[in-house]
């Protein structure tokens, strides 16, 4: 499912005009993005949680030349699936 399909599903499920469903979807995504950018975590019970993981620097290799390079530390978002979602995915319901 992509963003457009999510907007369409929201519009149909609760009988909203497409423009309002798009505004709601965009607001949710923007709010979640801002929270993660600030380093906050997001927990949606039954679905999962989003957290920021810190990764330290390490020595990697350039795949073309084989030359050693230093990879800078970075922060990346990480999703941990919730129990209810995991069970639904595993049972196929």
N, C-alpha and C. Protein backbone atom coordinates (compact mmCIF):
# COMPACT_ATOMS: atom_id res chain seq x y z
N UNK A 1 0.85 -1.18 0.00
CA UNK A 1 0.00 0.00 0.00
C UNK A 1 0.90 1.24 0.00
N UNK A 2 0.59 2.17 -0.86
CA UNK A 2 1.34 3.42 -0.87
C UNK A 2 0.47 4.54 -0.27
N UNK A 3 1.01 5.74 -0.23
CA UNK A 3 0.31 6.86 0.41
C UNK A 3 -1.02 7.16 -0.27
N UNK A 4 -1.06 7.14 -1.58
CA UNK A 4 -2.31 7.42 -2.31
C UNK A 4 -3.39 6.39 -1.99
N UNK A 5 -2.97 5.13 -1.89
CA UNK A 5 -3.93 4.07 -1.55
C UNK A 5 -4.42 4.21 -0.12
N UNK A 6 -3.54 4.64 0.77
CA UNK A 6 -3.95 4.88 2.16
C UNK A 6 -4.97 6.00 2.23
N UNK A 7 -4.73 7.07 1.50
CA UNK A 7 -5.68 8.19 1.46
C UNK A 7 -7.03 7.73 0.91
N UNK A 8 -7.01 6.96 -0.15
CA UNK A 8 -8.25 6.45 -0.75
C UNK A 8 -9.00 5.56 0.23
N UNK A 9 -8.29 4.68 0.95
CA UNK A 9 -8.93 3.79 1.92
C UNK A 9 -9.56 4.59 3.05
N UNK A 10 -8.86 5.61 3.54
CA UNK A 10 -9.40 6.46 4.59
C UNK A 10 -10.65 7.19 4.11
N UNK A 11 -10.58 7.70 2.91
CA UNK A 11 -11.71 8.42 2.32
C UNK A 11 -12.94 7.53 2.23
N UNK A 12 -12.76 6.31 1.78
CA UNK A 12 -13.88 5.38 1.61
C UNK A 12 -14.39 4.84 2.94
N UNK A 13 -13.47 4.48 3.85
CA UNK A 13 -13.87 3.86 5.12
C UNK A 13 -14.73 4.76 5.99
N UNK A 14 -14.41 6.06 6.01
CA UNK A 14 -15.20 6.95 6.88
C UNK A 14 -15.93 8.01 6.09
N UNK A 15 -16.10 7.75 4.80
CA UNK A 15 -16.91 8.60 3.92
C UNK A 15 -16.49 10.07 4.02
N UNK A 16 -15.20 10.31 3.76
CA UNK A 16 -14.65 11.66 3.76
C UNK A 16 -14.32 12.09 2.34
N UNK A 17 -14.39 13.36 2.05
CA UNK A 17 -13.89 13.82 0.75
C UNK A 17 -12.39 13.53 0.64
N UNK A 18 -11.95 13.24 -0.56
CA UNK A 18 -10.55 12.88 -0.80
C UNK A 18 -9.60 13.94 -0.25
N UNK A 19 -9.94 15.21 -0.43
CA UNK A 19 -9.07 16.31 0.04
C UNK A 19 -8.88 16.26 1.55
N UNK A 20 -9.95 15.99 2.30
CA UNK A 20 -9.85 15.91 3.77
C UNK A 20 -9.04 14.69 4.19
N UNK A 21 -9.25 13.57 3.54
CA UNK A 21 -8.49 12.36 3.85
C UNK A 21 -7.00 12.58 3.59
N UNK A 22 -6.69 13.30 2.52
CA UNK A 22 -5.29 13.60 2.20
C UNK A 22 -4.69 14.51 3.27
N UNK A 23 -5.45 15.50 3.72
CA UNK A 23 -4.96 16.42 4.75
C UNK A 23 -4.69 15.68 6.06
N UNK A 24 -5.59 14.79 6.43
CA UNK A 24 -5.41 14.00 7.66
C UNK A 24 -4.17 13.12 7.55
N UNK A 25 -4.04 12.42 6.45
CA UNK A 25 -2.90 11.53 6.24
C UNK A 25 -1.59 12.31 6.26
N UNK A 26 -1.56 13.44 5.56
CA UNK A 26 -0.34 14.26 5.53
C UNK A 26 0.01 14.79 6.91
N UNK A 27 -0.99 15.19 7.68
CA UNK A 27 -0.75 15.70 9.04
C UNK A 27 -0.15 14.61 9.92
N UNK A 28 -0.68 13.42 9.84
CA UNK A 28 -0.16 12.31 10.65
C UNK A 28 1.29 12.01 10.28
N UNK A 29 1.58 11.92 8.99
CA UNK A 29 2.93 11.60 8.54
C UNK A 29 3.90 12.72 8.92
N UNK A 30 3.51 13.97 8.73
CA UNK A 30 4.37 15.09 9.08
C UNK A 30 4.65 15.15 10.58
N UNK A 31 3.62 14.90 11.39
CA UNK A 31 3.78 14.93 12.84
C UNK A 31 4.72 13.81 13.30
N UNK A 32 4.57 12.63 12.72
CA UNK A 32 5.46 11.52 13.06
C UNK A 32 6.90 11.82 12.63
N UNK A 33 7.06 12.39 11.45
CA UNK A 33 8.39 12.74 10.95
C UNK A 33 9.07 13.77 11.87
N UNK A 34 8.31 14.79 12.28
CA UNK A 34 8.86 15.81 13.17
C UNK A 34 9.27 15.22 14.51
N UNK A 35 8.45 14.33 15.05
CA UNK A 35 8.77 13.71 16.34
C UNK A 35 10.06 12.89 16.23
N UNK A 36 10.18 12.10 15.18
CA UNK A 36 11.39 11.29 15.01
C UNK A 36 12.61 12.17 14.77
N UNK A 37 12.46 13.26 14.04
CA UNK A 37 13.57 14.17 13.77
C UNK A 37 14.07 14.81 15.08
N UNK A 38 13.17 15.02 16.04
CA UNK A 38 13.56 15.57 17.34
C UNK A 38 14.16 14.51 18.25
N UNK A 39 14.09 13.24 17.84
CA UNK A 39 14.63 12.16 18.66
C UNK A 39 13.59 11.49 19.53
N UNK A 40 12.32 11.89 19.40
CA UNK A 40 11.24 11.26 20.17
C UNK A 40 10.91 9.91 19.56
N UNK A 41 10.32 9.06 20.37
CA UNK A 41 9.84 7.78 19.85
C UNK A 41 8.32 7.85 19.70
N UNK A 42 7.78 6.95 18.90
CA UNK A 42 6.34 6.91 18.65
C UNK A 42 5.86 5.50 18.94
N UNK A 43 4.81 5.37 19.74
CA UNK A 43 4.26 4.05 20.04
C UNK A 43 2.78 4.04 19.68
N UNK A 44 2.41 3.09 18.83
CA UNK A 44 1.01 2.90 18.46
C UNK A 44 0.65 1.49 18.92
N UNK A 45 -0.06 1.42 20.02
CA UNK A 45 -0.37 0.12 20.64
C UNK A 45 -1.06 -0.81 19.64
N UNK A 46 -0.61 -2.05 19.62
CA UNK A 46 -1.18 -3.04 18.72
C UNK A 46 -0.57 -3.01 17.33
N UNK A 47 0.13 -1.93 17.00
CA UNK A 47 0.75 -1.80 15.68
C UNK A 47 2.26 -1.91 15.79
N UNK A 48 2.87 -1.04 16.57
CA UNK A 48 4.31 -1.08 16.75
C UNK A 48 4.85 0.25 17.23
N UNK A 49 6.17 0.34 17.26
CA UNK A 49 6.80 1.58 17.70
C UNK A 49 7.94 1.96 16.77
N UNK A 50 8.14 3.25 16.67
CA UNK A 50 9.22 3.82 15.89
C UNK A 50 10.19 4.47 16.87
N UNK A 51 11.46 4.15 16.76
CA UNK A 51 12.48 4.76 17.59
C UNK A 51 13.67 5.14 16.71
N UNK A 52 14.50 6.01 17.24
CA UNK A 52 15.73 6.39 16.55
C UNK A 52 16.86 5.59 17.16
N UNK A 53 17.62 4.89 16.32
CA UNK A 53 18.78 4.15 16.78
C UNK A 53 20.04 4.90 16.36
N UNK A 54 20.97 4.96 17.28
CA UNK A 54 22.26 5.61 17.01
C UNK A 54 23.27 4.54 16.59
N UNK A 55 23.93 4.78 15.50
CA UNK A 55 24.96 3.87 15.01
C UNK A 55 26.29 4.60 15.05
N UNK A 56 27.28 3.98 15.65
CA UNK A 56 28.60 4.58 15.75
C UNK A 56 29.35 4.52 14.43
N UNK A 57 30.48 5.21 14.39
CA UNK A 57 31.29 5.19 13.17
C UNK A 57 31.98 3.83 13.07
N UNK A 58 32.34 3.47 11.87
CA UNK A 58 33.06 2.23 11.64
C UNK A 58 33.86 2.34 10.36
N UNK A 59 34.76 1.38 10.18
CA UNK A 59 35.58 1.38 8.99
C UNK A 59 34.94 0.45 7.96
N UNK A 60 34.63 1.02 6.82
CA UNK A 60 34.02 0.24 5.74
C UNK A 60 34.96 0.19 4.55
N UNK A 61 34.45 -0.33 3.45
CA UNK A 61 35.24 -0.41 2.23
C UNK A 61 34.44 0.12 1.05
N UNK A 62 35.13 0.80 0.16
CA UNK A 62 34.53 1.24 -1.09
C UNK A 62 34.37 -0.01 -1.96
N UNK A 63 33.14 -0.35 -2.37
CA UNK A 63 32.95 -1.59 -3.13
C UNK A 63 33.64 -1.61 -4.50
N UNK A 64 33.87 -0.43 -5.08
CA UNK A 64 34.52 -0.39 -6.39
C UNK A 64 36.03 -0.57 -6.29
N UNK A 65 36.62 0.13 -5.31
CA UNK A 65 38.08 0.13 -5.24
C UNK A 65 38.64 -0.76 -4.14
N UNK A 66 37.81 -1.11 -3.18
CA UNK A 66 38.29 -1.89 -2.04
C UNK A 66 39.00 -1.03 -1.00
N UNK A 67 39.08 0.27 -1.26
CA UNK A 67 39.75 1.20 -0.36
C UNK A 67 38.99 1.31 0.96
N UNK A 68 39.73 1.37 2.08
CA UNK A 68 39.11 1.52 3.39
C UNK A 68 38.62 2.96 3.53
N UNK A 69 37.40 3.10 4.07
CA UNK A 69 36.85 4.43 4.32
C UNK A 69 36.23 4.46 5.71
N UNK A 70 36.19 5.63 6.31
CA UNK A 70 35.57 5.77 7.62
C UNK A 70 34.12 6.22 7.42
N UNK A 71 33.20 5.45 7.96
CA UNK A 71 31.77 5.78 7.88
C UNK A 71 31.41 6.56 9.14
N UNK A 72 30.82 7.73 8.95
CA UNK A 72 30.47 8.61 10.07
C UNK A 72 29.33 8.01 10.91
N UNK A 73 29.25 8.40 12.19
CA UNK A 73 28.11 7.96 13.00
C UNK A 73 26.81 8.50 12.41
N UNK A 74 25.73 7.78 12.62
CA UNK A 74 24.45 8.23 12.08
C UNK A 74 23.30 7.77 12.96
N UNK A 75 22.17 8.40 12.73
CA UNK A 75 20.92 8.04 13.41
C UNK A 75 19.95 7.59 12.34
N UNK A 76 19.25 6.47 12.61
CA UNK A 76 18.28 5.96 11.65
C UNK A 76 17.00 5.56 12.37
N UNK A 77 15.84 5.78 11.72
CA UNK A 77 14.59 5.31 12.32
C UNK A 77 14.52 3.80 12.25
N UNK A 78 13.91 3.21 13.26
CA UNK A 78 13.77 1.76 13.36
C UNK A 78 12.33 1.46 13.79
N UNK A 79 11.71 0.47 13.15
CA UNK A 79 10.34 0.08 13.48
C UNK A 79 10.36 -1.27 14.17
N UNK A 80 9.70 -1.35 15.31
CA UNK A 80 9.54 -2.62 16.01
C UNK A 80 8.06 -2.98 15.99
N UNK A 81 7.74 -4.11 15.39
CA UNK A 81 6.35 -4.52 15.22
C UNK A 81 5.72 -4.86 16.57
N UNK A 82 4.44 -4.51 16.72
CA UNK A 82 3.70 -4.82 17.94
C UNK A 82 3.16 -6.25 17.91
N UNK A 83 2.82 -6.76 19.07
CA UNK A 83 2.36 -8.14 19.21
C UNK A 83 1.12 -8.42 18.35
N UNK A 84 0.12 -7.55 18.41
CA UNK A 84 -1.12 -7.78 17.66
C UNK A 84 -0.87 -7.84 16.15
N UNK A 85 -0.07 -6.92 15.64
CA UNK A 85 0.24 -6.90 14.21
C UNK A 85 1.03 -8.14 13.81
N UNK A 86 2.01 -8.50 14.62
CA UNK A 86 2.81 -9.69 14.33
C UNK A 86 1.91 -10.94 14.25
N UNK A 87 0.99 -11.06 15.18
CA UNK A 87 0.08 -12.22 15.18
C UNK A 87 -0.83 -12.23 13.95
N UNK A 88 -1.34 -11.06 13.57
CA UNK A 88 -2.21 -10.97 12.39
C UNK A 88 -1.45 -11.33 11.12
N UNK A 89 -0.21 -10.87 11.01
CA UNK A 89 0.60 -11.16 9.82
C UNK A 89 0.90 -12.67 9.77
N UNK A 90 1.20 -13.26 10.91
CA UNK A 90 1.55 -14.67 10.93
C UNK A 90 0.36 -15.60 10.69
N UNK A 91 -0.85 -15.15 11.06
CA UNK A 91 -2.02 -15.98 10.83
C UNK A 91 -2.70 -15.65 9.51
N UNK A 92 -2.30 -14.56 8.88
CA UNK A 92 -2.86 -14.19 7.57
C UNK A 92 -4.25 -13.61 7.64
N UNK A 93 -4.68 -13.11 8.79
CA UNK A 93 -6.04 -12.54 8.91
C UNK A 93 -6.02 -11.06 8.70
